[in-house]
Amino acid sequence: MKGLLTKISNQIIKRCRAKINKDDMLEGDVEKCMLDLDESIACCKEWKIICLKMQGLIKKYSSRKGWSLDDDETIFAENEAFI
């Protein structure tokens, strides 16, 4: 499960990078660039919130033990670095 979540995290970063246009930055469209950066940061933060919320629901309603994101923050390490 952690491998899948890490791959999804990496895909989110890839899409955020594609959204941020370096030409806008260099041509002086600062407002658009700042908006793109803010949206990318919000997306990465929201992804982590969603994962942790779902983990809480799984723990609450599942009889299986052992699946936890608390012990392994590496899933979000690249997202945190990107932010």
PDB file of N, CA and C in Angstrom:
ATOM      1  N   MET A   1       0.821  -1.187   0.000  1.00  0.00           N
ATOM      2  CA  MET A   1       0.000   0.000   0.000  1.00  0.00           C
ATOM      3  C   MET A   1       0.873   1.262   0.000  1.00  0.00           C
ATOM      4  N   LYS A   2       1.941   1.227   0.780  1.00  0.00           N
ATOM      5  CA  LYS A   2       2.814   2.399   0.856  1.00  0.00           C
ATOM      6  C   LYS A   2       3.480   2.688  -0.486  1.00  0.00           C
ATOM      7  N   GLY A   3       3.829   1.643  -1.223  1.00  0.00           N
ATOM      8  CA  GLY A   3       4.413   1.825  -2.551  1.00  0.00           C
ATOM      9  C   GLY A   3       3.442   2.535  -3.489  1.00  0.00           C
ATOM     10  N   LEU A   4       2.181   2.157  -3.443  1.00  0.00           N
ATOM     11  CA  LEU A   4       1.162   2.785  -4.275  1.00  0.00           C
ATOM     12  C   LEU A   4       0.984   4.257  -3.898  1.00  0.00           C
ATOM     13  N   LEU A   5       0.920   4.547  -2.611  1.00  0.00           N
ATOM     14  CA  LEU A   5       0.754   5.931  -2.164  1.00  0.00           C
ATOM     15  C   LEU A   5       1.952   6.792  -2.536  1.00  0.00           C
ATOM     16  N   THR A   6       3.142   6.219  -2.478  1.00  0.00           N
ATOM     17  CA  THR A   6       4.344   6.950  -2.889  1.00  0.00           C
ATOM     18  C   THR A   6       4.287   7.271  -4.375  1.00  0.00           C
ATOM     19  N   LYS A   7       3.828   6.318  -5.181  1.00  0.00           N
ATOM     20  CA  LYS A   7       3.704   6.565  -6.625  1.00  0.00           C
ATOM     21  C   LYS A   7       2.671   7.658  -6.911  1.00  0.00           C
ATOM     22  N   ILE A   8       1.587   7.659  -6.176  1.00  0.00           N
ATOM     23  CA  ILE A   8       0.581   8.710  -6.348  1.00  0.00           C
ATOM     24  C   ILE A   8       1.178  10.062  -5.952  1.00  0.00           C
ATOM     25  N   SER A   9       1.925  10.095  -4.861  1.00  0.00           N
ATOM     26  CA  SER A   9       2.597  11.331  -4.437  1.00  0.00           C
ATOM     27  C   SER A   9       3.519  11.850  -5.520  1.00  0.00           C
ATOM     28  N   ASN A  10       4.282  10.965  -6.111  1.00  0.00           N
ATOM     29  CA  ASN A  10       5.202  11.364  -7.174  1.00  0.00           C
ATOM     30  C   ASN A  10       4.453  11.897  -8.397  1.00  0.00           C
ATOM     31  N   GLN A  11       3.315  11.303  -8.707  1.00  0.00           N
ATOM     32  CA  GLN A  11       2.510  11.770  -9.842  1.00  0.00           C
ATOM     33  C   GLN A  11       1.939  13.157  -9.561  1.00  0.00           C
ATOM     34  N   ILE A  12       1.530  13.394  -8.341  1.00  0.00           N
ATOM     35  CA  ILE A  12       1.022  14.727  -7.966  1.00  0.00           C
ATOM     36  C   ILE A  12       2.112  15.770  -8.157  1.00  0.00           C
ATOM     37  N   ILE A  13       3.328  15.459  -7.724  1.00  0.00           N
ATOM     38  CA  ILE A  13       4.449  16.380  -7.901  1.00  0.00           C
ATOM     39  C   ILE A  13       4.703  16.625  -9.384  1.00  0.00           C
ATOM     40  N   LYS A  14       4.666  15.576 -10.170  1.00  0.00           N
ATOM     41  CA  LYS A  14       4.897  15.706 -11.614  1.00  0.00           C
ATOM     42  C   LYS A  14       3.869  16.654 -12.250  1.00  0.00           C
ATOM     43  N   ARG A  15       2.616  16.509 -11.873  1.00  0.00           N
ATOM     44  CA  ARG A  15       1.571  17.376 -12.424  1.00  0.00           C
ATOM     45  C   ARG A  15       1.709  18.814 -11.946  1.00  0.00           C
ATOM     46  N   CYS A  16       2.114  18.982 -10.702  1.00  0.00           N
ATOM     47  CA  CYS A  16       2.328  20.339 -10.180  1.00  0.00           C
ATOM     48  C   CYS A  16       3.491  21.015 -10.900  1.00  0.00           C
ATOM     49  N   ARG A  17       4.548  20.274 -11.156  1.00  0.00           N
ATOM     50  CA  ARG A  17       5.688  20.840 -11.890  1.00  0.00           C
ATOM     51  C   ARG A  17       5.279  21.264 -13.297  1.00  0.00           C
ATOM     52  N   ALA A  18       4.434  20.476 -13.922  1.00  0.00           N
ATOM     53  CA  ALA A  18       3.976  20.815 -15.270  1.00  0.00           C
ATOM     54  C   ALA A  18       3.120  22.080 -15.255  1.00  0.00           C
ATOM     55  N   LYS A  19       2.417  22.301 -14.170  1.00  0.00           N
ATOM     56  CA  LYS A  19       1.549  23.486 -14.036  1.00  0.00           C
ATOM     57  C   LYS A  19       2.361  24.767 -13.882  1.00  0.00           C
ATOM     58  N   ILE A  20       3.513  24.676 -13.233  1.00  0.00           N
ATOM     59  CA  ILE A  20       4.341  25.855 -12.981  1.00  0.00           C
ATOM     60  C   ILE A  20       5.161  26.144 -14.235  1.00  0.00           C
ATOM     61  N   ASN A  21       4.849  27.260 -14.882  1.00  0.00           N
ATOM     62  CA  ASN A  21       5.482  27.619 -16.139  1.00  0.00           C
ATOM     63  C   ASN A  21       6.651  28.577 -15.885  1.00  0.00           C
ATOM     64  N   LYS A  22       7.856  28.107 -16.177  1.00  0.00           N
ATOM     65  CA  LYS A  22       9.046  28.940 -15.960  1.00  0.00           C
ATOM     66  C   LYS A  22       9.047  30.170 -16.849  1.00  0.00           C
ATOM     67  N   ASP A  23       8.458  30.070 -18.034  1.00  0.00           N
ATOM     68  CA  ASP A  23       8.402  31.225 -18.936  1.00  0.00           C
ATOM     69  C   ASP A  23       7.582  32.361 -18.330  1.00  0.00           C
ATOM     70  N   ASP A  24       6.485  32.010 -17.641  1.00  0.00           N
ATOM     71  CA  ASP A  24       5.697  33.041 -16.957  1.00  0.00           C
ATOM     72  C   ASP A  24       6.552  33.774 -15.931  1.00  0.00           C
ATOM     73  N   MET A  25       7.367  33.000 -15.249  1.00  0.00           N
ATOM     74  CA  MET A  25       8.234  33.566 -14.227  1.00  0.00           C
ATOM     75  C   MET A  25       9.239  34.539 -14.853  1.00  0.00           C
ATOM     76  N   LEU A  26       9.850  34.115 -15.951  1.00  0.00           N
ATOM     77  CA  LEU A  26      10.883  34.910 -16.597  1.00  0.00           C
ATOM     78  C   LEU A  26      10.323  36.107 -17.361  1.00  0.00           C
ATOM     79  N   GLU A  27       9.092  35.993 -17.842  1.00  0.00           N
ATOM     80  CA  GLU A  27       8.470  37.071 -18.597  1.00  0.00           C
ATOM     81  C   GLU A  27       7.777  38.087 -17.697  1.00  0.00           C
ATOM     82  N   GLY A  28       7.781  37.847 -16.411  1.00  0.00           N
ATOM     83  CA  GLY A  28       7.262  38.827 -15.468  1.00  0.00           C
ATOM     84  C   GLY A  28       5.812  38.666 -15.068  1.00  0.00           C
ATOM     85  N   ASP A  29       5.165  37.559 -15.423  1.00  0.00           N
ATOM     86  CA  ASP A  29       3.781  37.336 -14.995  1.00  0.00           C
ATOM     87  C   ASP A  29       3.809  36.738 -13.586  1.00  0.00           C
ATOM     88  N   VAL A  30       4.163  37.585 -12.644  1.00  0.00           N
ATOM     89  CA  VAL A  30       4.383  37.142 -11.269  1.00  0.00           C
ATOM     90  C   VAL A  30       3.092  36.655 -10.625  1.00  0.00           C
ATOM     91  N   GLU A  31       1.988  37.315 -10.890  1.00  0.00           N
ATOM     92  CA  GLU A  31       0.717  36.931 -10.275  1.00  0.00           C
ATOM     93  C   GLU A  31       0.305  35.514 -10.676  1.00  0.00           C
ATOM     94  N   LYS A  32       0.412  35.189 -11.969  1.00  0.00           N
ATOM     95  CA  LYS A  32       0.069  33.836 -12.428  1.00  0.00           C
ATOM     96  C   LYS A  32       1.014  32.811 -11.825  1.00  0.00           C
ATOM     97  N   CYS A  33       2.285  33.156 -11.791  1.00  0.00           N
ATOM     98  CA  CYS A  33       3.279  32.241 -11.237  1.00  0.00           C
ATOM     99  C   CYS A  33       3.008  31.987  -9.749  1.00  0.00           C
ATOM    100  N   MET A  34       2.705  33.030  -9.006  1.00  0.00           N
ATOM    101  CA  MET A  34       2.408  32.876  -7.575  1.00  0.00           C
ATOM    102  C   MET A  34       1.146  32.044  -7.365  1.00  0.00           C
ATOM    103  N   LEU A  35       0.145  32.246  -8.211  1.00  0.00           N
ATOM    104  CA  LEU A  35      -1.083  31.461  -8.120  1.00  0.00           C
ATOM    105  C   LEU A  35      -0.793  29.984  -8.377  1.00  0.00           C
ATOM    106  N   ASP A  36       0.002  29.700  -9.414  1.00  0.00           N
ATOM    107  CA  ASP A  36       0.366  28.312  -9.720  1.00  0.00           C
ATOM    108  C   ASP A  36       1.133  27.673  -8.557  1.00  0.00           C
ATOM    109  N   LEU A  37       2.051  28.425  -7.978  1.00  0.00           N
ATOM    110  CA  LEU A  37       2.819  27.910  -6.838  1.00  0.00           C
ATOM    111  C   LEU A  37       1.909  27.652  -5.637  1.00  0.00           C
ATOM    112  N   ASP A  38       1.022  28.589  -5.344  1.00  0.00           N
ATOM    113  CA  ASP A  38       0.093  28.422  -4.218  1.00  0.00           C
ATOM    114  C   ASP A  38      -0.821  27.216  -4.419  1.00  0.00           C
ATOM    115  N   GLU A  39      -1.315  27.027  -5.641  1.00  0.00           N
ATOM    116  CA  GLU A  39      -2.176  25.874  -5.931  1.00  0.00           C
ATOM    117  C   GLU A  39      -1.413  24.563  -5.789  1.00  0.00           C
ATOM    118  N   SER A  40      -0.167  24.542  -6.218  1.00  0.00           N
ATOM    119  CA  SER A  40       0.654  23.334  -6.104  1.00  0.00           C
ATOM    120  C   SER A  40       0.916  22.983  -4.649  1.00  0.00           C
ATOM    121  N   ILE A  41       1.229  23.986  -3.862  1.00  0.00           N
ATOM    122  CA  ILE A  41       1.470  23.766  -2.427  1.00  0.00           C
ATOM    123  C   ILE A  41       0.198  23.252  -1.765  1.00  0.00           C
ATOM    124  N   ALA A  42      -0.929  23.879  -2.060  1.00  0.00           N
ATOM    125  CA  ALA A  42      -2.208  23.447  -1.482  1.00  0.00           C
ATOM    126  C   ALA A  42      -2.538  22.012  -1.874  1.00  0.00           C
ATOM    127  N   CYS A  43      -2.263  21.658  -3.111  1.00  0.00           N
ATOM    128  CA  CYS A  43      -2.527  20.301  -3.592  1.00  0.00           C
ATOM    129  C   CYS A  43      -1.714  19.272  -2.804  1.00  0.00           C
ATOM    130  N   CYS A  44      -0.430  19.540  -2.631  1.00  0.00           N
ATOM    131  CA  CYS A  44       0.438  18.603  -1.901  1.00  0.00           C
ATOM    132  C   CYS A  44       0.014  18.477  -0.438  1.00  0.00           C
ATOM    133  N   LYS A  45      -0.347  19.595   0.164  1.00  0.00           N
ATOM    134  CA  LYS A  45      -0.802  19.551   1.563  1.00  0.00           C
ATOM    135  C   LYS A  45      -2.121  18.796   1.686  1.00  0.00           C
ATOM    136  N   GLU A  46      -3.017  19.025   0.749  1.00  0.00           N
ATOM    137  CA  GLU A  46      -4.320  18.355   0.780  1.00  0.00           C
ATOM    138  C   GLU A  46      -4.170  16.852   0.585  1.00  0.00           C
ATOM    139  N   TRP A  47      -3.241  16.423  -0.261  1.00  0.00           N
ATOM    140  CA  TRP A  47      -2.984  15.007  -0.473  1.00  0.00           C
ATOM    141  C   TRP A  47      -2.602  14.336   0.851  1.00  0.00           C
ATOM    142  N   LYS A  48      -1.734  14.964   1.609  1.00  0.00           N
ATOM    143  CA  LYS A  48      -1.317  14.389   2.883  1.00  0.00           C
ATOM    144  C   LYS A  48      -2.493  14.331   3.859  1.00  0.00           C
ATOM    145  N   ILE A  49      -3.284  15.386   3.905  1.00  0.00           N
ATOM    146  CA  ILE A  49      -4.449  15.415   4.794  1.00  0.00           C
ATOM    147  C   ILE A  49      -5.422  14.289   4.439  1.00  0.00           C
ATOM    148  N   ILE A  50      -5.673  14.108   3.147  1.00  0.00           N
ATOM    149  CA  ILE A  50      -6.586  13.048   2.693  1.00  0.00           C
ATOM    150  C   ILE A  50      -6.062  11.673   3.101  1.00  0.00           C
ATOM    151  N   CYS A  51      -4.771  11.440   2.880  1.00  0.00           N
ATOM    152  CA  CYS A  51      -4.187  10.135   3.236  1.00  0.00           C
ATOM    153  C   CYS A  51      -4.307   9.856   4.726  1.00  0.00           C
ATOM    154  N   LEU A  52      -3.978  10.846   5.537  1.00  0.00           N
ATOM    155  CA  LEU A  52      -4.036  10.648   6.983  1.00  0.00           C
ATOM    156  C   LEU A  52      -5.475  10.479   7.472  1.00  0.00           C
ATOM    157  N   LYS A  53      -6.407  11.188   6.849  1.00  0.00           N
ATOM    158  CA  LYS A  53      -7.822  11.032   7.209  1.00  0.00           C
ATOM    159  C   LYS A  53      -8.306   9.621   6.862  1.00  0.00           C
ATOM    160  N   MET A  54      -7.956   9.148   5.675  1.00  0.00           N
ATOM    161  CA  MET A  54      -8.364   7.799   5.278  1.00  0.00           C
ATOM    162  C   MET A  54      -7.731   6.748   6.174  1.00  0.00           C
ATOM    163  N   GLN A  55      -6.482   6.978   6.588  1.00  0.00           N
ATOM    164  CA  GLN A  55      -5.836   6.048   7.503  1.00  0.00           C
ATOM    165  C   GLN A  55      -6.622   5.965   8.815  1.00  0.00           C
ATOM    166  N   GLY A  56      -7.065   7.117   9.303  1.00  0.00           N
ATOM    167  CA  GLY A  56      -7.852   7.128  10.530  1.00  0.00           C
ATOM    168  C   GLY A  56      -9.146   6.347  10.386  1.00  0.00           C
ATOM    169  N   LEU A  57      -9.800   6.488   9.238  1.00  0.00           N
ATOM    170  CA  LEU A  57     -11.034   5.739   8.999  1.00  0.00           C
ATOM    171  C   LEU A  57     -10.769   4.241   8.886  1.00  0.00           C
ATOM    172  N   ILE A  58      -9.669   3.880   8.231  1.00  0.00           N
ATOM    173  CA  ILE A  58      -9.313   2.458   8.117  1.00  0.00           C
ATOM    174  C   ILE A  58      -9.055   1.877   9.496  1.00  0.00           C
ATOM    175  N   LYS A  59      -8.291   2.595  10.316  1.00  0.00           N
ATOM    176  CA  LYS A  59      -8.019   2.121  11.673  1.00  0.00           C
ATOM    177  C   LYS A  59      -9.300   1.979  12.489  1.00  0.00           C
ATOM    178  N   LYS A  60     -10.208   2.932  12.307  1.00  0.00           N
ATOM    179  CA  LYS A  60     -11.446   2.941  13.090  1.00  0.00           C
ATOM    180  C   LYS A  60     -12.372   1.788  12.718  1.00  0.00           C
ATOM    181  N   TYR A  61     -12.495   1.500  11.433  1.00  0.00           N
ATOM    182  CA  TYR A  61     -13.498   0.536  10.987  1.00  0.00           C
ATOM    183  C   TYR A  61     -12.951  -0.820  10.557  1.00  0.00           C
ATOM    184  N   SER A  62     -11.649  -0.979  10.544  1.00  0.00           N
ATOM    185  CA  SER A  62     -11.069  -2.235  10.091  1.00  0.00           C
ATOM    186  C   SER A  62     -10.682  -3.110  11.279  1.00  0.00           C
ATOM    187  N   SER A  63     -10.848  -4.394  11.085  1.00  0.00           N
ATOM    188  CA  SER A  63     -10.421  -5.336  12.123  1.00  0.00           C
ATOM    189  C   SER A  63      -8.955  -5.728  11.935  1.00  0.00           C
ATOM    190  N   ARG A  64      -8.383  -5.412  10.757  1.00  0.00           N
ATOM    191  CA  ARG A  64      -6.971  -5.710  10.485  1.00  0.00           C
ATOM    192  C   ARG A  64      -6.097  -4.639  11.107  1.00  0.00           C
ATOM    193  N   LYS A  65      -5.024  -5.075  11.692  1.00  0.00           N
ATOM    194  CA  LYS A  65      -4.077  -4.151  12.303  1.00  0.00           C
ATOM    195  C   LYS A  65      -2.798  -4.134  11.488  1.00  0.00           C
ATOM    196  N   GLY A  66      -2.011  -3.083  11.666  1.00  0.00           N
ATOM    197  CA  GLY A  66      -0.692  -3.073  11.063  1.00  0.00           C
ATOM    198  C   GLY A  66      -0.493  -2.101   9.918  1.00  0.00           C
ATOM    199  N   TRP A  67      -1.576  -1.541   9.368  1.00  0.00           N
ATOM    200  CA  TRP A  67      -1.393  -0.591   8.277  1.00  0.00           C
ATOM    201  C   TRP A  67      -1.400   0.803   8.863  1.00  0.00           C
ATOM    202  N   SER A  68      -0.251   1.475   8.772  1.00  0.00           N
ATOM    203  CA  SER A  68      -0.146   2.783   9.385  1.00  0.00           C
ATOM    204  C   SER A  68       0.796   3.679   8.601  1.00  0.00           C
ATOM    205  N   LEU A  69       0.401   4.918   8.412  1.00  0.00           N
ATOM    206  CA  LEU A  69       1.274   5.910   7.807  1.00  0.00           C
ATOM    207  C   LEU A  69       2.050   6.671   8.875  1.00  0.00           C
ATOM    208  N   ASP A  70       1.641   6.533  10.133  1.00  0.00           N
ATOM    209  CA  ASP A  70       2.306   7.246  11.221  1.00  0.00           C
ATOM    210  C   ASP A  70       3.772   6.879  11.331  1.00  0.00           C
ATOM    211  N   ASP A  71       4.079   5.613  11.118  1.00  0.00           N
ATOM    212  CA  ASP A  71       5.439   5.121  11.297  1.00  0.00           C
ATOM    213  C   ASP A  71       6.347   5.442  10.114  1.00  0.00           C
ATOM    214  N   ASP A  72       5.776   5.779   8.979  1.00  0.00           N
ATOM    215  CA  ASP A  72       6.578   5.941   7.773  1.00  0.00           C
ATOM    216  C   ASP A  72       6.180   7.214   7.035  1.00  0.00           C
ATOM    217  N   GLU A  73       6.869   8.291   7.334  1.00  0.00           N
ATOM    218  CA  GLU A  73       6.600   9.570   6.679  1.00  0.00           C
ATOM    219  C   GLU A  73       7.274   9.664   5.313  1.00  0.00           C
ATOM    220  N   THR A  74       7.968   8.600   4.873  1.00  0.00           N
ATOM    221  CA  THR A  74       8.656   8.663   3.578  1.00  0.00           C
ATOM    222  C   THR A  74       7.690   8.815   2.424  1.00  0.00           C
ATOM    223  N   ILE A  75       6.448   8.436   2.621  1.00  0.00           N
ATOM    224  CA  ILE A  75       5.440   8.602   1.583  1.00  0.00           C
ATOM    225  C   ILE A  75       5.306  10.083   1.228  1.00  0.00           C
ATOM    226  N   PHE A  76       5.439  10.937   2.220  1.00  0.00           N
ATOM    227  CA  PHE A  76       5.241  12.364   2.023  1.00  0.00           C
ATOM    228  C   PHE A  76       6.551  13.143   1.951  1.00  0.00           C
ATOM    229  N   ALA A  77       7.692  12.466   2.004  1.00  0.00           N
ATOM    230  CA  ALA A  77       8.983  13.152   2.041  1.00  0.00           C
ATOM    231  C   ALA A  77       9.200  13.992   0.777  1.00  0.00           C
ATOM    232  N   GLU A  78       8.909  13.438  -0.366  1.00  0.00           N
ATOM    233  CA  GLU A  78       9.102  14.185  -1.611  1.00  0.00           C
ATOM    234  C   GLU A  78       8.105  15.346  -1.726  1.00  0.00           C
ATOM    235  N   ASN A  79       6.871  15.132  -1.249  1.00  0.00           N
ATOM    236  CA  ASN A  79       5.906  16.223  -1.256  1.00  0.00           C
ATOM    237  C   ASN A  79       6.374  17.372  -0.371  1.00  0.00           C
ATOM    238  N   GLU A  80       6.876  17.034   0.806  1.00  0.00           N
ATOM    239  CA  GLU A  80       7.378  18.057   1.720  1.00  0.00           C
ATOM    240  C   GLU A  80       8.558  18.801   1.097  1.00  0.00           C
ATOM    241  N   ALA A  81       9.437  18.083   0.438  1.00  0.00           N
ATOM    242  CA  ALA A  81      10.588  18.710  -0.216  1.00  0.00           C
ATOM    243  C   ALA A  81      10.110  19.609  -1.357  1.00  0.00           C
ATOM    244  N   PHE A  82       9.113  19.169  -2.099  1.00  0.00           N
ATOM    245  CA  PHE A  82       8.572  19.962  -3.201  1.00  0.00           C
ATOM    246  C   PHE A  82       7.953  21.261  -2.685  1.00  0.00           C
ATOM    247  N   ILE A  83       7.215  21.142  -1.592  1.00  0.00           N
ATOM    248  CA  ILE A  83       6.597  22.331  -0.999  1.00  0.00           C
ATOM    249  C   ILE A  83       7.671  23.308  -0.584  1.00  0.00           C
TER     250      ILE A  83
END
